[in-house]
């Protein structure tokens, strides 16, 4: 289980990141998530910038396209030396297999192949929205478990899911299958646009392998202190 919470770098520029990092000791090596907003503004250079400082990166681009396109894109992502990246499980088993192959082909011999995980249902999606917008008739839980089993079949390392779904996913997949869970909120914080949320302590108890925390750290008055508090909760020290 990863001992550091992953910080969601939902910033729009390198300057914002530099300002944020100035509030942390230089020796504190973080695990950060770079999503579409930041990557589309700054490009691969922002990943290289963070890796050069010793930070681990979860590149959260949620690729979803035809298999050949995703495979080629993953060859390029592999060269960025990220720790984790992802696709949408809705792209299907063939697409996920192609993504994995692209990562393997693009990784140099002296580097570790990034972990590849798949998004099941976004934590901002309610069951009602899934029924209405995606025309999926089964329950949200059934949909998530189906996507998780397809992800395992494709040879990926795990899924992005709500912590609420982690226990059931672990029951239907292998013992090393990863559950990376966003939507983590310490007690007393606002939910924002997340609907299926959980505290760090509870997420650890139900089987989350990685947690992603954004605004409770990035928008805190004292980000480093908030980070340390959440890190202690995640590691069962509180």
Protein backbone atom coordinates (compact mmCIF):
# COMPACT_ATOMS: atom_id res chain seq x y z
CA UNK A 1 0.00 0.00 0.00
CA UNK A 2 1.41 3.40 -0.98
CA UNK A 3 2.23 5.37 2.17
CA UNK A 4 1.78 8.79 0.57
CA UNK A 5 -1.55 10.23 -0.48
CA UNK A 6 -1.48 11.31 -4.12
CA UNK A 7 -2.00 15.07 -4.35
CA UNK A 8 -4.27 16.11 -7.22
CA UNK A 9 -2.43 18.95 -8.96
CA UNK A 10 -5.58 20.56 -10.35
CA UNK A 11 -3.67 23.69 -11.26
CA UNK A 12 -3.65 25.52 -14.58
CA UNK A 13 0.02 26.49 -14.85
CA UNK A 14 3.58 25.66 -13.85
CA UNK A 15 3.71 28.91 -11.89
CA UNK A 16 0.88 27.74 -9.63
CA UNK A 17 2.72 24.46 -9.02
CA UNK A 18 5.96 26.23 -8.19
CA UNK A 19 4.13 28.44 -5.68
CA UNK A 20 2.51 25.39 -4.12
CA UNK A 21 5.76 23.43 -3.86
CA UNK A 22 7.48 26.37 -2.16
CA UNK A 23 5.27 25.63 0.85
CA UNK A 24 6.81 22.14 1.21
CA UNK A 25 10.30 21.18 2.40
CA UNK A 26 12.51 20.51 -0.61
CA UNK A 27 13.33 17.04 0.74
CA UNK A 28 9.63 16.06 0.85
CA UNK A 29 9.14 13.92 -2.24
CA UNK A 30 5.50 13.87 -3.24
CA UNK A 31 3.25 11.65 -5.31
CA UNK A 32 1.18 13.94 -7.53
CA UNK A 33 -1.61 13.58 -10.06
CA UNK A 34 -1.46 15.54 -13.29
CA UNK A 35 -4.78 15.68 -15.08
CA UNK A 36 -6.04 17.03 -18.38
CA UNK A 37 -6.32 20.68 -17.32
CA UNK A 38 -2.64 20.98 -16.44
CA UNK A 39 -1.27 18.63 -19.10
CA UNK A 40 -3.10 20.41 -21.91
CA UNK A 41 -1.73 23.76 -20.72
CA UNK A 42 1.87 22.77 -20.03
CA UNK A 43 2.36 19.53 -21.96
CA UNK A 44 4.95 16.82 -21.26
CA UNK A 45 7.38 19.44 -19.90
CA UNK A 46 5.44 19.66 -16.64
CA UNK A 47 5.91 15.92 -16.07
CA UNK A 48 9.63 16.21 -16.73
CA UNK A 49 9.84 19.19 -14.36
CA UNK A 50 8.26 17.24 -11.50
CA UNK A 51 10.21 14.06 -12.18
CA UNK A 52 13.47 16.04 -12.16
CA UNK A 53 12.64 17.11 -8.61
CA UNK A 54 12.11 13.53 -7.53
CA UNK A 55 8.32 13.53 -7.36
CA UNK A 56 6.30 10.53 -8.54
CA UNK A 57 3.59 11.24 -11.11
CA UNK A 58 0.20 9.70 -11.78
CA UNK A 59 -0.63 10.94 -15.30
CA UNK A 60 -4.41 11.00 -15.30
CA UNK A 61 -5.39 11.47 -18.96
CA UNK A 62 -8.04 8.73 -19.15
CA UNK A 63 -7.30 7.72 -22.73
CA UNK A 64 -10.31 6.42 -24.67
CA UNK A 65 -9.97 5.92 -28.42
CA UNK A 66 -9.47 3.18 -30.99
CA UNK A 67 -6.86 0.61 -29.89
CA UNK A 68 -4.12 1.64 -32.33
CA UNK A 69 -4.35 5.31 -31.37
CA UNK A 70 -4.20 4.54 -27.67
CA UNK A 71 -1.27 2.17 -28.20
CA UNK A 72 0.74 4.85 -29.98
CA UNK A 73 -0.15 7.46 -27.35
CA UNK A 74 1.03 5.13 -24.59
CA UNK A 75 4.37 4.65 -26.33
CA UNK A 76 4.90 8.38 -25.90
CA UNK A 77 3.65 8.47 -22.31
CA UNK A 78 6.08 5.68 -21.42
CA UNK A 79 8.99 7.98 -22.24
CA UNK A 80 7.90 10.42 -19.52
CA UNK A 81 8.84 7.98 -16.72
CA UNK A 82 5.54 8.32 -14.85
CA UNK A 83 4.63 5.88 -12.10
CA UNK A 84 0.97 5.37 -13.05
CA UNK A 85 -1.21 6.31 -16.00
CA UNK A 86 -4.71 5.35 -17.08
CA UNK A 87 -7.38 4.70 -19.68
CA UNK A 88 -11.17 4.43 -19.63
CA UNK A 89 -12.32 0.84 -19.14
CA UNK A 90 -15.31 1.70 -21.34
CA UNK A 91 -12.87 1.57 -24.27
CA UNK A 92 -12.98 -2.21 -24.02
CA UNK A 93 -10.58 -5.08 -23.46
CA UNK A 94 -8.89 -4.80 -26.86
CA UNK A 95 -8.15 -1.12 -26.32
CA UNK A 96 -6.77 -1.75 -22.84
CA UNK A 97 -4.55 -4.56 -24.12
CA UNK A 98 -3.22 -2.23 -26.81
CA UNK A 99 -2.55 0.48 -24.20
CA UNK A 100 -0.54 -1.95 -22.10
CA UNK A 101 1.47 -3.09 -25.10
CA UNK A 102 2.20 0.52 -26.03
CA UNK A 103 3.54 1.23 -22.55
CA UNK A 104 5.78 -1.83 -22.68
CA UNK A 105 7.11 -0.94 -26.13
CA UNK A 106 7.76 2.67 -25.18
CA UNK A 107 9.59 2.01 -21.92
CA UNK A 108 13.39 1.99 -22.16
CA UNK A 109 15.36 -0.92 -20.74
CA UNK A 110 16.61 1.06 -17.72
CA UNK A 111 13.13 2.17 -16.67
CA UNK A 112 10.19 0.46 -15.01
CA UNK A 113 7.03 0.07 -17.07
CA UNK A 114 4.41 2.43 -15.61
CA UNK A 115 1.45 0.88 -13.86
CA UNK A 116 -1.64 1.05 -16.06
CA UNK A 117 -5.07 1.30 -14.50
CA UNK A 118 -8.55 1.95 -15.88
CA UNK A 119 -11.37 4.26 -14.86
CA UNK A 120 -14.55 2.38 -14.03
CA UNK A 121 -17.21 5.00 -13.23
CA UNK A 122 -16.17 8.52 -12.28
CA UNK A 123 -16.67 9.31 -8.59
CA UNK A 124 -18.74 12.33 -9.68
CA UNK A 125 -21.27 9.98 -11.35
CA UNK A 126 -24.36 8.90 -9.44
CA UNK A 127 -26.33 5.78 -10.27
CA UNK A 128 -29.20 7.93 -11.53
CA UNK A 129 -26.86 9.78 -13.90
CA UNK A 130 -25.38 6.51 -15.12
CA UNK A 131 -28.85 5.20 -15.98
CA UNK A 132 -29.99 8.40 -17.66
CA UNK A 133 -26.83 9.53 -19.43
CA UNK A 134 -25.13 6.24 -20.29
CA UNK A 135 -28.24 4.06 -20.68
CA UNK A 136 -26.66 1.40 -18.47
CA UNK A 137 -29.49 -0.57 -16.89
CA UNK A 138 -27.57 -2.47 -14.23
CA UNK A 139 -26.66 -1.02 -10.84
CA UNK A 140 -23.65 1.24 -10.44
CA UNK A 141 -21.95 -1.51 -8.44
CA UNK A 142 -22.51 -4.09 -11.20
CA UNK A 143 -21.15 -1.70 -13.80
CA UNK A 144 -18.01 -1.02 -11.76
CA UNK A 145 -17.36 -4.71 -11.08
CA UNK A 146 -17.83 -5.56 -14.74
CA UNK A 147 -15.31 -2.91 -15.77
CA UNK A 148 -12.89 -4.13 -13.10
CA UNK A 149 -13.05 -7.71 -14.38
CA UNK A 150 -12.54 -6.51 -17.97
CA UNK A 151 -9.53 -4.49 -16.80
CA UNK A 152 -8.01 -7.53 -15.11
CA UNK A 153 -8.68 -9.64 -18.22
CA UNK A 154 -6.77 -7.07 -20.29
CA UNK A 155 -3.73 -7.44 -18.03
CA UNK A 156 -3.84 -4.02 -16.38
CA UNK A 157 -2.75 -3.51 -12.78
CA UNK A 158 -5.96 -2.08 -11.39
CA UNK A 159 -8.70 0.51 -11.56
CA UNK A 160 -9.68 3.99 -10.51
CA UNK A 161 -12.82 3.63 -8.43
CA UNK A 162 -14.68 4.95 -5.44
CA UNK A 163 -13.38 3.65 -2.13
CA UNK A 164 -16.92 2.39 -1.53
CA UNK A 165 -16.40 -0.12 -4.34
CA UNK A 166 -12.90 -1.29 -3.35
CA UNK A 167 -13.97 -4.21 -1.12
CA UNK A 168 -16.17 -5.75 -3.82
CA UNK A 169 -13.53 -5.22 -6.51
CA UNK A 170 -10.92 -7.00 -4.41
CA UNK A 171 -13.31 -9.95 -4.09
CA UNK A 172 -13.66 -10.45 -7.85
CA UNK A 173 -10.04 -9.76 -8.90
CA UNK A 174 -6.59 -11.06 -8.05
CA UNK A 175 -4.79 -10.26 -4.80
CA UNK A 176 -2.43 -7.71 -6.42
CA UNK A 177 -5.17 -5.77 -8.22
CA UNK A 178 -4.95 -2.05 -7.40
CA UNK A 179 -7.81 0.15 -6.28
CA UNK A 180 -6.83 3.80 -6.65
CA UNK A 181 -9.52 5.92 -5.07
CA UNK A 182 -10.23 9.62 -5.57
CA UNK A 183 -13.05 11.33 -3.75
CA UNK A 184 -11.18 11.28 -0.45
CA UNK A 185 -12.27 13.92 2.04
CA UNK A 186 -11.11 14.25 5.65
CA UNK A 187 -13.87 14.80 8.17
CA UNK A 188 -15.25 18.34 8.16
CA UNK A 189 -14.33 19.24 4.57
CA UNK A 190 -16.73 20.08 1.75
CA UNK A 191 -17.59 17.48 -0.89
CA UNK A 192 -17.25 19.75 -3.92
CA UNK A 193 -18.40 17.92 -7.07
CA UNK A 194 -17.71 14.46 -5.61
CA UNK A 195 -20.65 12.25 -4.72
CA UNK A 196 -19.12 8.96 -3.54
CA UNK A 197 -16.56 10.05 -0.95
CA UNK A 198 -14.73 8.56 2.06
CA UNK A 199 -12.24 9.61 4.72
CA UNK A 200 -8.57 8.49 4.47
CA UNK A 201 -8.94 6.27 7.54
CA UNK A 202 -12.00 4.49 6.21
CA UNK A 203 -10.48 4.15 2.72
CA UNK A 204 -7.48 2.37 4.21
CA UNK A 205 -9.77 0.04 6.16
CA UNK A 206 -11.83 -0.99 3.12
CA UNK A 207 -8.85 -1.76 0.89
CA UNK A 208 -7.84 1.32 -1.09
CA UNK A 209 -4.25 0.90 -2.31
CA UNK A 210 -3.77 4.53 -3.31
CA UNK A 211 -5.84 7.60 -2.41
CA UNK A 212 -6.07 10.88 -4.29
CA UNK A 213 -6.66 14.10 -2.36
CA UNK A 214 -6.98 17.49 -4.01
CA UNK A 215 -8.62 20.58 -2.57
CA UNK A 216 -8.29 19.61 1.13
CA UNK A 217 -4.53 20.00 0.52
CA UNK A 218 -4.13 22.36 -2.44
CA UNK A 219 -6.64 24.92 -1.17
CA UNK A 220 -5.77 24.66 2.51
CA UNK A 221 -4.39 27.68 4.35
CA UNK A 222 -1.39 25.57 5.32
CA UNK A 223 -1.01 22.91 2.59
CA UNK A 224 1.99 21.13 4.11
CA UNK A 225 0.33 20.76 7.50
CA UNK A 226 -2.85 19.51 5.84
CA UNK A 227 -0.82 17.05 3.79
CA UNK A 228 0.93 15.68 6.89
CA UNK A 229 -2.41 15.32 8.69
CA UNK A 230 -3.97 13.38 5.83
CA UNK A 231 -0.82 11.30 5.44
CA UNK A 232 -1.03 10.30 9.11
CA UNK A 233 -4.71 9.40 8.74
CA UNK A 234 -3.91 7.32 5.64
CA UNK A 235 -1.15 5.46 7.45
CA UNK A 236 -3.31 4.73 10.50
CA UNK A 237 -1.29 6.96 12.80
CA UNK A 238 -4.32 8.89 14.09
